[in-house]
């Protein structure tokens, strides 16, 4: 199973999924974390110097296509908080999400392994 967790510091879960600095991906097999990878959130304001570039100037709509592409690499997204639009888009794509019970990634993973 591959779990994705949004993070800004690689120690704690990010408060807002769409604005996280990066996603941590943990591959879990037989109750053990066998690999850890990080992927930059190109949707975030952390990426580059300006706005994420996903807003429509005319309609002020927000596009989550790039977030969906990143998150879909996991079997489960654990999150602390996320906007209604992203949640709806994840549901449309049948991406499994679950609210984390802890702040520290180490604690989150200990519950899942």
N, C-alpha and C. Protein backbone atom coordinates (compact mmCIF):
# COMPACT_ATOMS: atom_id res chain seq x y z
N UNK A 1 0.85 -1.17 0.00
CA UNK A 1 0.00 0.00 0.00
C UNK A 1 0.90 1.24 0.00
N UNK A 2 0.50 2.23 -0.78
CA UNK A 2 1.24 3.49 -0.82
C UNK A 2 0.36 4.58 -0.22
N UNK A 3 0.90 5.28 0.78
CA UNK A 3 0.19 6.35 1.48
C UNK A 3 0.85 7.68 1.16
N UNK A 4 0.03 8.69 0.85
CA UNK A 4 0.52 10.05 0.62
C UNK A 4 0.11 10.92 1.81
N UNK A 5 1.05 11.77 2.24
CA UNK A 5 0.79 12.70 3.33
C UNK A 5 1.34 14.06 2.93
N UNK A 6 0.50 15.11 2.94
CA UNK A 6 1.00 16.45 2.63
C UNK A 6 1.84 16.97 3.80
N UNK A 7 2.96 17.61 3.48
CA UNK A 7 3.85 18.11 4.54
C UNK A 7 4.60 19.36 4.09
N UNK A 8 5.00 20.14 5.07
CA UNK A 8 5.84 21.32 4.80
C UNK A 8 7.25 21.15 5.36
N UNK A 9 7.39 20.18 6.30
CA UNK A 9 8.67 20.05 6.99
C UNK A 9 9.17 18.61 7.10
N UNK A 10 8.46 17.68 6.50
CA UNK A 10 8.79 16.26 6.51
C UNK A 10 8.66 15.62 7.90
N UNK A 11 8.11 16.35 8.86
CA UNK A 11 7.91 15.83 10.21
C UNK A 11 6.45 15.82 10.61
N UNK A 12 5.70 16.83 10.12
CA UNK A 12 4.30 16.97 10.48
C UNK A 12 3.44 17.03 9.23
N UNK A 13 2.17 16.72 9.43
CA UNK A 13 1.22 16.81 8.33
C UNK A 13 0.87 18.28 8.11
N UNK A 14 0.77 18.69 6.87
CA UNK A 14 0.43 20.09 6.55
C UNK A 14 -1.02 20.37 6.94
N UNK A 15 -1.27 21.58 7.40
CA UNK A 15 -2.61 21.97 7.81
C UNK A 15 -3.58 22.04 6.63
N UNK A 16 -3.07 22.37 5.46
CA UNK A 16 -3.92 22.52 4.27
C UNK A 16 -3.28 21.75 3.12
N UNK A 17 -3.94 20.72 2.67
CA UNK A 17 -3.39 19.82 1.65
C UNK A 17 -2.95 20.54 0.38
N UNK A 18 -3.80 21.39 -0.18
CA UNK A 18 -3.50 22.05 -1.43
C UNK A 18 -2.36 23.04 -1.37
N UNK A 19 -2.03 23.51 -0.17
CA UNK A 19 -0.97 24.50 -0.01
C UNK A 19 0.32 23.92 0.56
N UNK A 20 0.40 22.60 0.69
CA UNK A 20 1.60 21.99 1.26
C UNK A 20 2.80 22.20 0.34
N UNK A 21 3.97 22.12 0.92
CA UNK A 21 5.20 22.27 0.17
C UNK A 21 5.47 21.03 -0.70
N UNK A 22 5.17 19.86 -0.13
CA UNK A 22 5.42 18.62 -0.85
C UNK A 22 4.55 17.50 -0.28
N UNK A 23 4.53 16.38 -0.99
CA UNK A 23 3.82 15.19 -0.53
C UNK A 23 4.86 14.13 -0.22
N UNK A 24 4.68 13.48 0.93
CA UNK A 24 5.51 12.33 1.30
C UNK A 24 4.74 11.08 0.90
N UNK A 25 5.43 10.17 0.23
CA UNK A 25 4.84 8.89 -0.17
C UNK A 25 5.55 7.78 0.58
N UNK A 26 4.76 6.99 1.29
CA UNK A 26 5.29 5.89 2.07
C UNK A 26 4.74 4.58 1.52
N UNK A 27 5.62 3.69 1.11
CA UNK A 27 5.25 2.37 0.63
C UNK A 27 5.29 1.43 1.83
N UNK A 28 4.17 0.78 2.11
CA UNK A 28 4.07 -0.09 3.27
C UNK A 28 3.82 -1.52 2.80
N UNK A 29 4.66 -2.43 3.28
CA UNK A 29 4.51 -3.85 2.97
C UNK A 29 4.70 -4.66 4.24
N UNK A 30 3.80 -5.57 4.49
CA UNK A 30 3.89 -6.46 5.66
C UNK A 30 4.10 -5.70 6.96
N UNK A 31 3.43 -4.56 7.10
CA UNK A 31 3.51 -3.78 8.33
C UNK A 31 4.77 -2.96 8.51
N UNK A 32 5.53 -2.79 7.44
CA UNK A 32 6.76 -2.00 7.51
C UNK A 32 6.81 -0.96 6.40
N UNK A 33 7.37 0.19 6.70
CA UNK A 33 7.62 1.20 5.67
C UNK A 33 8.87 0.76 4.92
N UNK A 34 8.71 0.45 3.64
CA UNK A 34 9.83 -0.06 2.85
C UNK A 34 10.47 1.02 1.97
N UNK A 35 9.74 2.11 1.72
CA UNK A 35 10.35 3.21 0.98
C UNK A 35 9.61 4.52 1.28
N UNK A 36 10.35 5.59 1.16
CA UNK A 36 9.82 6.93 1.37
C UNK A 36 10.32 7.81 0.24
N UNK A 37 9.39 8.53 -0.38
CA UNK A 37 9.75 9.46 -1.45
C UNK A 37 8.98 10.76 -1.23
N UNK A 38 9.54 11.84 -1.73
CA UNK A 38 8.90 13.16 -1.61
C UNK A 38 8.72 13.74 -3.01
N UNK A 39 7.58 14.38 -3.20
CA UNK A 39 7.31 15.04 -4.48
C UNK A 39 6.83 16.46 -4.20
N UNK A 40 7.47 17.42 -4.85
CA UNK A 40 7.12 18.83 -4.69
C UNK A 40 5.70 19.06 -5.17
N UNK A 41 4.97 19.86 -4.43
CA UNK A 41 3.61 20.24 -4.81
C UNK A 41 3.68 21.43 -5.75
N UNK A 42 3.64 21.17 -7.04
CA UNK A 42 3.73 22.24 -8.03
C UNK A 42 2.49 23.12 -8.05
N UNK A 43 1.44 22.71 -7.38
CA UNK A 43 0.19 23.47 -7.26
C UNK A 43 0.32 24.59 -6.22
N UNK A 44 1.23 24.41 -5.30
CA UNK A 44 1.37 25.29 -4.14
C UNK A 44 2.05 26.62 -4.45
N UNK A 45 1.81 27.58 -3.60
CA UNK A 45 2.50 28.87 -3.69
C UNK A 45 3.98 28.72 -3.31
N UNK A 46 4.34 27.60 -2.68
CA UNK A 46 5.74 27.34 -2.35
C UNK A 46 6.56 27.10 -3.62
N UNK A 47 5.88 26.69 -4.68
CA UNK A 47 6.54 26.32 -5.93
C UNK A 47 6.67 27.57 -6.80
N UNK A 48 7.89 28.01 -7.03
CA UNK A 48 8.11 29.21 -7.84
C UNK A 48 7.90 30.47 -7.01
N UNK A 49 7.91 31.58 -7.68
CA UNK A 49 7.87 32.87 -7.00
C UNK A 49 6.49 33.49 -6.93
N UNK A 50 5.57 33.05 -7.76
CA UNK A 50 4.27 33.72 -7.82
C UNK A 50 3.15 32.74 -7.52
N UNK A 51 1.95 33.15 -7.83
CA UNK A 51 0.77 32.32 -7.63
C UNK A 51 0.93 30.99 -8.36
N UNK A 52 0.19 30.01 -7.89
CA UNK A 52 0.29 28.67 -8.45
C UNK A 52 -0.11 28.63 -9.92
N UNK A 53 -0.79 29.65 -10.42
CA UNK A 53 -1.14 29.70 -11.83
C UNK A 53 -2.33 28.84 -12.20
N UNK A 54 -3.08 28.37 -11.21
CA UNK A 54 -4.22 27.49 -11.47
C UNK A 54 -5.55 28.22 -11.35
N UNK A 55 -5.52 29.55 -11.25
CA UNK A 55 -6.74 30.33 -11.13
C UNK A 55 -7.13 30.90 -12.49
N UNK A 56 -8.40 30.84 -12.81
CA UNK A 56 -8.91 31.45 -14.02
C UNK A 56 -9.14 32.93 -13.73
N UNK A 57 -8.54 33.81 -14.50
CA UNK A 57 -8.66 35.24 -14.27
C UNK A 57 -10.11 35.69 -14.38
N UNK A 58 -10.81 35.18 -15.38
CA UNK A 58 -12.19 35.62 -15.59
C UNK A 58 -13.14 35.11 -14.52
N UNK A 59 -13.04 33.84 -14.17
CA UNK A 59 -14.03 33.25 -13.27
C UNK A 59 -13.49 32.98 -11.87
N UNK A 60 -12.23 33.22 -11.64
CA UNK A 60 -11.60 32.96 -10.36
C UNK A 60 -11.82 31.51 -9.90
N UNK A 61 -11.78 30.59 -10.86
CA UNK A 61 -11.92 29.18 -10.54
C UNK A 61 -10.55 28.58 -10.27
N UNK A 62 -10.57 27.49 -9.58
CA UNK A 62 -9.34 26.83 -9.17
C UNK A 62 -9.29 25.45 -9.81
N UNK A 63 -8.17 25.08 -10.36
CA UNK A 63 -7.99 23.82 -11.05
C UNK A 63 -7.12 22.89 -10.19
N UNK A 64 -7.58 21.68 -9.92
CA UNK A 64 -6.83 20.74 -9.09
C UNK A 64 -6.20 19.61 -9.89
N UNK A 65 -6.14 19.76 -11.21
CA UNK A 65 -5.64 18.69 -12.07
C UNK A 65 -4.25 18.22 -11.65
N UNK A 66 -3.34 19.15 -11.39
CA UNK A 66 -1.98 18.77 -11.02
C UNK A 66 -1.93 18.10 -9.64
N UNK A 67 -2.76 18.54 -8.71
CA UNK A 67 -2.83 17.89 -7.40
C UNK A 67 -3.35 16.46 -7.53
N UNK A 68 -4.39 16.28 -8.32
CA UNK A 68 -4.96 14.96 -8.55
C UNK A 68 -3.90 14.03 -9.14
N UNK A 69 -3.14 14.55 -10.07
CA UNK A 69 -2.08 13.76 -10.71
C UNK A 69 -1.05 13.26 -9.69
N UNK A 70 -0.66 14.14 -8.77
CA UNK A 70 0.31 13.76 -7.74
C UNK A 70 -0.31 12.77 -6.77
N UNK A 71 -1.47 13.11 -6.23
CA UNK A 71 -2.10 12.30 -5.18
C UNK A 71 -2.51 10.93 -5.70
N UNK A 72 -2.87 10.84 -6.96
CA UNK A 72 -3.34 9.56 -7.52
C UNK A 72 -2.23 8.51 -7.57
N UNK A 73 -1.01 8.88 -7.28
CA UNK A 73 0.10 7.91 -7.23
C UNK A 73 0.04 7.07 -5.96
N UNK A 74 -0.86 7.41 -5.05
CA UNK A 74 -0.99 6.69 -3.78
C UNK A 74 -2.32 5.95 -3.73
N UNK A 75 -2.37 4.96 -2.86
CA UNK A 75 -3.62 4.23 -2.62
C UNK A 75 -4.50 4.96 -1.62
N UNK A 76 -3.89 5.81 -0.79
CA UNK A 76 -4.61 6.52 0.26
C UNK A 76 -3.93 7.85 0.53
N UNK A 77 -4.72 8.92 0.61
CA UNK A 77 -4.22 10.22 1.04
C UNK A 77 -4.69 10.45 2.47
N UNK A 78 -3.75 10.68 3.36
CA UNK A 78 -4.08 11.07 4.73
C UNK A 78 -3.91 12.58 4.79
N UNK A 79 -4.90 13.27 5.35
CA UNK A 79 -4.86 14.73 5.36
C UNK A 79 -5.30 15.26 6.71
N UNK A 80 -4.97 16.52 6.97
CA UNK A 80 -5.44 17.21 8.17
C UNK A 80 -6.57 18.16 7.81
N UNK A 81 -6.39 18.90 6.72
CA UNK A 81 -7.42 19.81 6.25
C UNK A 81 -7.30 19.98 4.75
N UNK A 82 -8.47 20.22 4.11
CA UNK A 82 -8.46 20.49 2.67
C UNK A 82 -9.74 21.22 2.30
N UNK A 83 -9.69 21.95 1.23
CA UNK A 83 -10.85 22.68 0.76
C UNK A 83 -11.91 21.76 0.19
N UNK A 84 -13.13 22.26 0.15
CA UNK A 84 -14.27 21.48 -0.37
C UNK A 84 -14.09 21.13 -1.84
N UNK A 85 -13.51 22.04 -2.59
CA UNK A 85 -13.31 21.79 -4.02
C UNK A 85 -12.36 20.64 -4.27
N UNK A 86 -11.25 20.61 -3.56
CA UNK A 86 -10.30 19.51 -3.72
C UNK A 86 -10.94 18.20 -3.27
N UNK A 87 -11.65 18.22 -2.16
CA UNK A 87 -12.31 17.01 -1.66
C UNK A 87 -13.29 16.48 -2.71
N UNK A 88 -14.07 17.36 -3.31
CA UNK A 88 -15.03 16.95 -4.35
C UNK A 88 -14.31 16.37 -5.55
N UNK A 89 -13.20 16.98 -5.96
CA UNK A 89 -12.44 16.48 -7.11
C UNK A 89 -11.81 15.12 -6.82
N UNK A 90 -11.32 14.92 -5.60
CA UNK A 90 -10.77 13.62 -5.22
C UNK A 90 -11.85 12.55 -5.22
N UNK A 91 -13.03 12.92 -4.73
CA UNK A 91 -14.16 11.98 -4.73
C UNK A 91 -14.54 11.59 -6.16
N UNK A 92 -14.56 12.57 -7.07
CA UNK A 92 -14.90 12.30 -8.47
C UNK A 92 -13.92 11.31 -9.10
N UNK A 93 -12.67 11.39 -8.67
CA UNK A 93 -11.63 10.51 -9.22
C UNK A 93 -11.51 9.20 -8.43
N UNK A 94 -12.39 9.01 -7.45
CA UNK A 94 -12.37 7.80 -6.61
C UNK A 94 -11.04 7.60 -5.90
N UNK A 95 -10.45 8.70 -5.45
CA UNK A 95 -9.21 8.63 -4.70
C UNK A 95 -9.58 8.56 -3.21
N UNK A 96 -9.09 7.53 -2.56
CA UNK A 96 -9.42 7.29 -1.15
C UNK A 96 -8.68 8.29 -0.27
N UNK A 97 -9.43 8.96 0.60
CA UNK A 97 -8.86 9.92 1.54
C UNK A 97 -9.34 9.61 2.95
N UNK A 98 -8.51 9.99 3.91
CA UNK A 98 -8.86 9.75 5.31
C UNK A 98 -8.22 10.86 6.15
N UNK A 99 -8.99 11.41 7.07
CA UNK A 99 -8.47 12.45 7.95
C UNK A 99 -7.53 11.81 8.97
N UNK A 100 -6.34 12.36 9.09
CA UNK A 100 -5.35 11.84 10.03
C UNK A 100 -5.74 12.17 11.46
N UNK A 101 -5.40 11.29 12.37
CA UNK A 101 -5.73 11.47 13.79
C UNK A 101 -4.60 12.15 14.55
N UNK A 102 -3.45 12.26 13.92
CA UNK A 102 -2.28 12.82 14.58
C UNK A 102 -1.64 13.91 13.71
N UNK A 103 -0.79 14.70 14.31
CA UNK A 103 -0.07 15.77 13.60
C UNK A 103 1.28 15.27 13.09
N UNK A 104 1.98 14.49 13.91
CA UNK A 104 3.31 14.02 13.53
C UNK A 104 3.22 12.81 12.61
N UNK A 105 3.96 12.87 11.52
CA UNK A 105 3.93 11.81 10.51
C UNK A 105 4.31 10.47 11.13
N UNK A 106 5.28 10.46 12.01
CA UNK A 106 5.69 9.22 12.67
C UNK A 106 4.52 8.55 13.39
N UNK A 107 3.71 9.35 14.08
CA UNK A 107 2.54 8.81 14.77
C UNK A 107 1.47 8.32 13.78
N UNK A 108 1.29 9.08 12.71
CA UNK A 108 0.31 8.71 11.68
C UNK A 108 0.68 7.35 11.09
N UNK A 109 1.95 7.18 10.76
CA UNK A 109 2.40 5.93 10.16
C UNK A 109 2.33 4.77 11.14
N UNK A 110 2.63 5.01 12.42
CA UNK A 110 2.60 3.92 13.40
C UNK A 110 1.20 3.33 13.52
N UNK A 111 0.18 4.15 13.27
CA UNK A 111 -1.19 3.66 13.31
C UNK A 111 -1.52 2.84 12.06
N UNK A 112 -0.84 3.11 10.95
CA UNK A 112 -1.16 2.47 9.67
C UNK A 112 -0.33 1.21 9.39
N UNK A 113 0.75 1.02 10.09
CA UNK A 113 1.59 -0.18 9.84
C UNK A 113 1.27 -1.27 10.83
